[in-house]
Amino acid sequence: MVPVPANYKMTREANIVLTALQRLEFSQQITVLGNAVVDMGVDPLA
Protein backbone atom coordinates (compact mmCIF):
# COMPACT_ATOMS: atom_id res chain seq x y z
CA MET A 1 0.00 0.00 0.00
CA VAL A 2 1.21 3.50 -0.83
CA PRO A 3 0.96 5.99 2.05
CA VAL A 4 -1.01 9.17 1.32
CA PRO A 5 -1.86 12.19 3.47
CA ALA A 6 -4.88 11.64 5.74
CA ASN A 7 -6.78 14.53 4.13
CA TYR A 8 -6.21 13.35 0.53
CA LYS A 9 -9.39 13.08 -1.52
CA MET A 10 -9.23 11.28 -4.84
CA THR A 11 -11.20 12.79 -7.69
CA ARG A 12 -14.32 10.99 -8.87
CA GLU A 13 -12.60 10.15 -12.16
CA ALA A 14 -9.54 8.70 -10.44
CA ASN A 15 -11.76 6.64 -8.16
CA ILE A 16 -13.61 5.21 -11.18
CA VAL A 17 -10.31 4.22 -12.80
CA LEU A 18 -8.97 2.66 -9.59
CA THR A 19 -12.17 0.69 -9.05
CA ALA A 20 -12.07 -0.63 -12.62
CA LEU A 21 -8.41 -1.61 -12.20
CA GLN A 22 -9.14 -3.42 -8.93
CA ARG A 23 -11.82 -5.51 -10.64
CA LEU A 24 -9.32 -6.93 -13.14
CA GLU A 25 -7.39 -10.14 -12.61
CA PHE A 26 -3.83 -9.58 -11.39
CA SER A 27 -2.26 -10.37 -14.78
CA GLN A 28 -4.67 -7.95 -16.46
CA GLN A 29 -3.73 -5.24 -13.95
CA ILE A 30 -0.06 -5.74 -14.78
CA THR A 31 -0.80 -5.50 -18.51
CA VAL A 32 -2.87 -2.32 -18.13
CA LEU A 33 -0.29 -0.62 -15.90
CA GLY A 34 2.59 -1.75 -18.12
CA ASN A 35 0.84 -0.31 -21.18
CA ALA A 36 0.27 2.97 -19.32
CA VAL A 37 3.99 3.19 -18.55
CA VAL A 38 4.91 2.47 -22.18
CA ASP A 39 2.42 5.12 -23.34
CA MET A 40 4.26 7.62 -21.10
CA GLY A 41 7.48 6.84 -22.97
CA VAL A 42 9.14 4.50 -20.46
CA ASP A 43 10.33 1.01 -21.34
CA PRO A 44 9.44 -1.16 -18.32
CA LEU A 45 11.78 -3.90 -19.55
CA ALA A 46 14.84 -1.65 -19.88
C-alpha atoms as a PDB file:
ATOM      1  CA  MET A   1       0.000   0.000   0.000  1.00  0.00           C
ATOM      2  CA  VAL A   2       1.206   3.501  -0.833  1.00  0.00           C
ATOM      3  CA  PRO A   3       0.962   5.994   2.050  1.00  0.00           C
ATOM      4  CA  VAL A   4      -1.007   9.169   1.315  1.00  0.00           C
ATOM      5  CA  PRO A   5      -1.860  12.194   3.466  1.00  0.00           C
ATOM      6  CA  ALA A   6      -4.875  11.645   5.739  1.00  0.00           C
ATOM      7  CA  ASN A   7      -6.783  14.526   4.129  1.00  0.00           C
ATOM      8  CA  TYR A   8      -6.207  13.354   0.531  1.00  0.00           C
ATOM      9  CA  LYS A   9      -9.390  13.084  -1.525  1.00  0.00           C
ATOM     10  CA  MET A  10      -9.228  11.279  -4.839  1.00  0.00           C
ATOM     11  CA  THR A  11     -11.201  12.789  -7.694  1.00  0.00           C
ATOM     12  CA  ARG A  12     -14.320  10.986  -8.870  1.00  0.00           C
ATOM     13  CA  GLU A  13     -12.603  10.147 -12.160  1.00  0.00           C
ATOM     14  CA  ALA A  14      -9.542   8.699 -10.438  1.00  0.00           C
ATOM     15  CA  ASN A  15     -11.761   6.636  -8.158  1.00  0.00           C
ATOM     16  CA  ILE A  16     -13.608   5.209 -11.183  1.00  0.00           C
ATOM     17  CA  VAL A  17     -10.306   4.219 -12.805  1.00  0.00           C
ATOM     18  CA  LEU A  18      -8.975   2.661  -9.591  1.00  0.00           C
ATOM     19  CA  THR A  19     -12.173   0.686  -9.049  1.00  0.00           C
ATOM     20  CA  ALA A  20     -12.067  -0.627 -12.623  1.00  0.00           C
ATOM     21  CA  LEU A  21      -8.413  -1.606 -12.200  1.00  0.00           C
ATOM     22  CA  GLN A  22      -9.140  -3.421  -8.925  1.00  0.00           C
ATOM     23  CA  ARG A  23     -11.819  -5.512 -10.640  1.00  0.00           C
ATOM     24  CA  LEU A  24      -9.318  -6.925 -13.142  1.00  0.00           C
ATOM     25  CA  GLU A  25      -7.391 -10.140 -12.610  1.00  0.00           C
ATOM     26  CA  PHE A  26      -3.828  -9.580 -11.391  1.00  0.00           C
ATOM     27  CA  SER A  27      -2.261 -10.367 -14.781  1.00  0.00           C
ATOM     28  CA  GLN A  28      -4.666  -7.952 -16.463  1.00  0.00           C
ATOM     29  CA  GLN A  29      -3.731  -5.243 -13.946  1.00  0.00           C
ATOM     30  CA  ILE A  30      -0.056  -5.738 -14.782  1.00  0.00           C
ATOM     31  CA  THR A  31      -0.801  -5.500 -18.513  1.00  0.00           C
ATOM     32  CA  VAL A  32      -2.870  -2.316 -18.132  1.00  0.00           C
ATOM     33  CA  LEU A  33      -0.286  -0.623 -15.900  1.00  0.00           C
ATOM     34  CA  GLY A  34       2.588  -1.749 -18.124  1.00  0.00           C
ATOM     35  CA  ASN A  35       0.838  -0.312 -21.179  1.00  0.00           C
ATOM     36  CA  ALA A  36       0.274   2.967 -19.317  1.00  0.00           C
ATOM     37  CA  VAL A  37       3.993   3.194 -18.553  1.00  0.00           C
ATOM     38  CA  VAL A  38       4.909   2.474 -22.178  1.00  0.00           C
ATOM     39  CA  ASP A  39       2.422   5.120 -23.343  1.00  0.00           C
ATOM     40  CA  MET A  40       4.263   7.623 -21.101  1.00  0.00           C
ATOM     41  CA  GLY A  41       7.482   6.841 -22.969  1.00  0.00           C
ATOM     42  CA  VAL A  42       9.136   4.503 -20.455  1.00  0.00           C
ATOM     43  CA  ASP A  43      10.326   1.013 -21.341  1.00  0.00           C
ATOM     44  CA  PRO A  44       9.438  -1.157 -18.324  1.00  0.00           C
ATOM     45  CA  LEU A  45      11.783  -3.901 -19.549  1.00  0.00           C
ATOM     46  CA  ALA A  46      14.840  -1.649 -19.876  1.00  0.00           C
END
